[in-house]
Amino acid sequence: MKKWLCQVCGYVHDGDDAPEKCPKCGAPKNKFEELTIESSNLIERSRLTNNLLMELDSVLARVEEIAKLGIEDKLDPACVVLFKKASDEAKQSRQSLKAEIATHIEKGKWG
């Protein structure tokens, strides 16, 4: 499917033709440029990776929730240590994910 880039705001439209006006900024159809196949493929790959990053963030949020319950349960010290470690690593990974997504946005790899 063709991809069209709004030259005013950067919105990417998927379709056989550019929209009559940009859904984001209202720019007219003539402000859209058809992207190359290479650029379109990069956008598709970016969408996949960004969706995977967001899904991983959700999973890691769940790890934090589970770890919190385990810490509160306090069955034994070794378990608490494992739950705290899992929580800390999940928090750190989530922060890294957010930074990576921000980098994708800055580089126009959001799509």
C-alpha atoms as a PDB file:
ATOM      1  CA  MET A   1       0.000   0.000   0.000  1.00  0.00           C
ATOM      2  CA  LYS A   2       1.248   3.485  -0.823  1.00  0.00           C
ATOM      3  CA  LYS A   3       2.225   5.879   1.916  1.00  0.00           C
ATOM      4  CA  TRP A   4       1.846   9.635   1.751  1.00  0.00           C
ATOM      5  CA  LEU A   5       3.687  12.139   3.972  1.00  0.00           C
ATOM      6  CA  CYS A   6       2.168  15.469   4.938  1.00  0.00           C
ATOM      7  CA  GLN A   7       4.900  18.019   4.336  1.00  0.00           C
ATOM      8  CA  VAL A   8       3.357  20.337   6.932  1.00  0.00           C
ATOM      9  CA  CYS A   9       3.078  18.114  10.027  1.00  0.00           C
ATOM     10  CA  GLY A  10       4.670  14.753   9.151  1.00  0.00           C
ATOM     11  CA  TYR A  11       1.453  12.720   9.291  1.00  0.00           C
ATOM     12  CA  VAL A  12       1.742   9.469   7.295  1.00  0.00           C
ATOM     13  CA  HIS A  13      -1.340   8.360   5.346  1.00  0.00           C
ATOM     14  CA  ASP A  14      -1.775   4.814   4.017  1.00  0.00           C
ATOM     15  CA  GLY A  15      -3.800   4.553   0.827  1.00  0.00           C
ATOM     16  CA  ASP A  16      -3.844   4.505  -2.942  1.00  0.00           C
ATOM     17  CA  ASP A  17      -4.045   8.300  -2.989  1.00  0.00           C
ATOM     18  CA  ALA A  18      -3.337  11.158  -0.622  1.00  0.00           C
ATOM     19  CA  PRO A  19      -6.307  12.334   1.459  1.00  0.00           C
ATOM     20  CA  GLU A  20      -8.178  15.472   0.440  1.00  0.00           C
ATOM     21  CA  LYS A  21      -6.871  17.114   3.611  1.00  0.00           C
ATOM     22  CA  CYS A  22      -4.554  16.057   6.394  1.00  0.00           C
ATOM     23  CA  PRO A  23      -6.485  14.546   9.309  1.00  0.00           C
ATOM     24  CA  LYS A  24      -3.924  15.972  11.718  1.00  0.00           C
ATOM     25  CA  CYS A  25      -3.289  19.532  10.551  1.00  0.00           C
ATOM     26  CA  GLY A  26      -5.844  20.121   7.801  1.00  0.00           C
ATOM     27  CA  ALA A  27      -3.264  20.750   5.058  1.00  0.00           C
ATOM     28  CA  PRO A  28      -4.617  20.290   1.518  1.00  0.00           C
ATOM     29  CA  LYS A  29      -3.944  17.228  -0.633  1.00  0.00           C
ATOM     30  CA  ASN A  30      -1.168  18.981  -2.600  1.00  0.00           C
ATOM     31  CA  LYS A  31       0.930  19.136   0.583  1.00  0.00           C
ATOM     32  CA  PHE A  32       1.286  15.335   0.564  1.00  0.00           C
ATOM     33  CA  GLU A  33       4.251  13.596  -1.011  1.00  0.00           C
ATOM     34  CA  GLU A  34       4.218   9.933  -1.992  1.00  0.00           C
ATOM     35  CA  LEU A  35       6.945   8.063  -0.137  1.00  0.00           C
ATOM     36  CA  THR A  36       9.370   5.726  -1.855  1.00  0.00           C
ATOM     37  CA  ILE A  37       9.060   1.973  -1.426  1.00  0.00           C
ATOM     38  CA  GLU A  38      12.169   2.064   0.764  1.00  0.00           C
ATOM     39  CA  SER A  39      10.675   4.736   3.028  1.00  0.00           C
ATOM     40  CA  SER A  40       7.357   2.883   3.152  1.00  0.00           C
ATOM     41  CA  ASN A  41       9.107  -0.342   4.137  1.00  0.00           C
ATOM     42  CA  LEU A  42      11.024   1.484   6.880  1.00  0.00           C
ATOM     43  CA  ILE A  43       7.765   2.858   8.234  1.00  0.00           C
ATOM     44  CA  GLU A  44       6.243  -0.630   8.312  1.00  0.00           C
ATOM     45  CA  ARG A  45       9.298  -1.995  10.129  1.00  0.00           C
ATOM     46  CA  SER A  46       9.171   0.953  12.539  1.00  0.00           C
ATOM     47  CA  ARG A  47       5.508   0.319  13.240  1.00  0.00           C
ATOM     48  CA  LEU A  48       6.244  -3.328  14.000  1.00  0.00           C
ATOM     49  CA  THR A  49       9.160  -2.525  16.298  1.00  0.00           C
ATOM     50  CA  ASN A  50       7.290   0.264  18.072  1.00  0.00           C
ATOM     51  CA  ASN A  51       4.293  -2.002  18.624  1.00  0.00           C
ATOM     52  CA  LEU A  52       6.593  -4.686  20.014  1.00  0.00           C
ATOM     53  CA  LEU A  53       8.208  -2.139  22.345  1.00  0.00           C
ATOM     54  CA  MET A  54       4.813  -1.005  23.601  1.00  0.00           C
ATOM     55  CA  GLU A  55       3.705  -4.607  24.104  1.00  0.00           C
ATOM     56  CA  LEU A  56       6.902  -5.357  26.002  1.00  0.00           C
ATOM     57  CA  ASP A  57       6.253  -2.303  28.175  1.00  0.00           C
ATOM     58  CA  SER A  58       2.852  -3.762  29.087  1.00  0.00           C
ATOM     59  CA  VAL A  59       4.403  -7.108  29.967  1.00  0.00           C
ATOM     60  CA  LEU A  60       7.048  -5.423  32.114  1.00  0.00           C
ATOM     61  CA  ALA A  61       4.348  -3.399  33.886  1.00  0.00           C
ATOM     62  CA  ARG A  62       2.705  -6.696  34.743  1.00  0.00           C
ATOM     63  CA  VAL A  63       6.057  -8.012  36.057  1.00  0.00           C
ATOM     64  CA  GLU A  64       6.198  -4.988  38.357  1.00  0.00           C
ATOM     65  CA  GLU A  65       2.664  -5.711  39.624  1.00  0.00           C
ATOM     66  CA  ILE A  66       3.473  -9.369  40.283  1.00  0.00           C
ATOM     67  CA  ALA A  67       6.742  -8.493  41.986  1.00  0.00           C
ATOM     68  CA  LYS A  68       4.948  -6.007  44.247  1.00  0.00           C
ATOM     69  CA  LEU A  69       2.533  -8.722  45.354  1.00  0.00           C
ATOM     70  CA  GLY A  70       5.440 -11.079  46.026  1.00  0.00           C
ATOM     71  CA  ILE A  71       7.278  -8.434  48.050  1.00  0.00           C
ATOM     72  CA  GLU A  72       4.144  -7.750  50.102  1.00  0.00           C
ATOM     73  CA  ASP A  73       3.620 -11.482  50.720  1.00  0.00           C
ATOM     74  CA  LYS A  74       7.084 -11.811  52.316  1.00  0.00           C
ATOM     75  CA  LEU A  75       7.065 -15.631  52.230  1.00  0.00           C
ATOM     76  CA  ASP A  76      10.795 -15.718  52.852  1.00  0.00           C
ATOM     77  CA  PRO A  77      13.812 -13.423  52.359  1.00  0.00           C
ATOM     78  CA  ALA A  78      15.079 -15.216  49.237  1.00  0.00           C
ATOM     79  CA  CYS A  79      11.729 -14.767  47.499  1.00  0.00           C
ATOM     80  CA  VAL A  80      11.594 -11.095  48.449  1.00  0.00           C
ATOM     81  CA  VAL A  81      15.077 -10.606  46.986  1.00  0.00           C
ATOM     82  CA  LEU A  82      13.963 -12.200  43.698  1.00  0.00           C
ATOM     83  CA  PHE A  83      10.804 -10.129  43.542  1.00  0.00           C
ATOM     84  CA  LYS A  84      12.730  -6.915  44.261  1.00  0.00           C
ATOM     85  CA  LYS A  85      15.270  -7.789  41.578  1.00  0.00           C
ATOM     86  CA  ALA A  86      12.504  -8.486  39.058  1.00  0.00           C
ATOM     87  CA  SER A  87      10.816  -5.210  39.932  1.00  0.00           C
ATOM     88  CA  ASP A  88      14.029  -3.197  39.624  1.00  0.00           C
ATOM     89  CA  GLU A  89      14.949  -4.769  36.289  1.00  0.00           C
ATOM     90  CA  ALA A  90      11.444  -4.268  34.915  1.00  0.00           C
ATOM     91  CA  LYS A  91      11.513  -0.581  35.925  1.00  0.00           C
ATOM     92  CA  GLN A  92      14.910  -0.083  34.326  1.00  0.00           C
ATOM     93  CA  SER A  93      13.837  -1.835  31.128  1.00  0.00           C
ATOM     94  CA  ARG A  94      10.657   0.230  30.930  1.00  0.00           C
ATOM     95  CA  GLN A  95      12.672   3.438  31.223  1.00  0.00           C
ATOM     96  CA  SER A  96      14.973   2.230  28.435  1.00  0.00           C
ATOM     97  CA  LEU A  97      11.944   1.414  26.281  1.00  0.00           C
ATOM     98  CA  LYS A  98      10.542   4.904  26.771  1.00  0.00           C
ATOM     99  CA  ALA A  99      13.889   6.440  25.807  1.00  0.00           C
ATOM    100  CA  GLU A 100      14.062   4.260  22.688  1.00  0.00           C
ATOM    101  CA  ILE A 101      10.543   5.201  21.627  1.00  0.00           C
ATOM    102  CA  ALA A 102      11.398   8.883  22.156  1.00  0.00           C
ATOM    103  CA  THR A 103      14.440   8.408  19.917  1.00  0.00           C
ATOM    104  CA  HIS A 104      12.248   6.803  17.247  1.00  0.00           C
ATOM    105  CA  ILE A 105       9.897   9.772  17.388  1.00  0.00           C
ATOM    106  CA  GLU A 106      12.791  12.248  17.109  1.00  0.00           C
ATOM    107  CA  LYS A 107      14.191  10.368  14.080  1.00  0.00           C
ATOM    108  CA  GLY A 108      10.796  10.112  12.397  1.00  0.00           C
ATOM    109  CA  LYS A 109      10.669   6.354  12.875  1.00  0.00           C
ATOM    110  CA  TRP A 110       7.231   6.322  14.392  1.00  0.00           C
ATOM    111  CA  GLY A 111       5.064   6.033  11.289  1.00  0.00           C
END
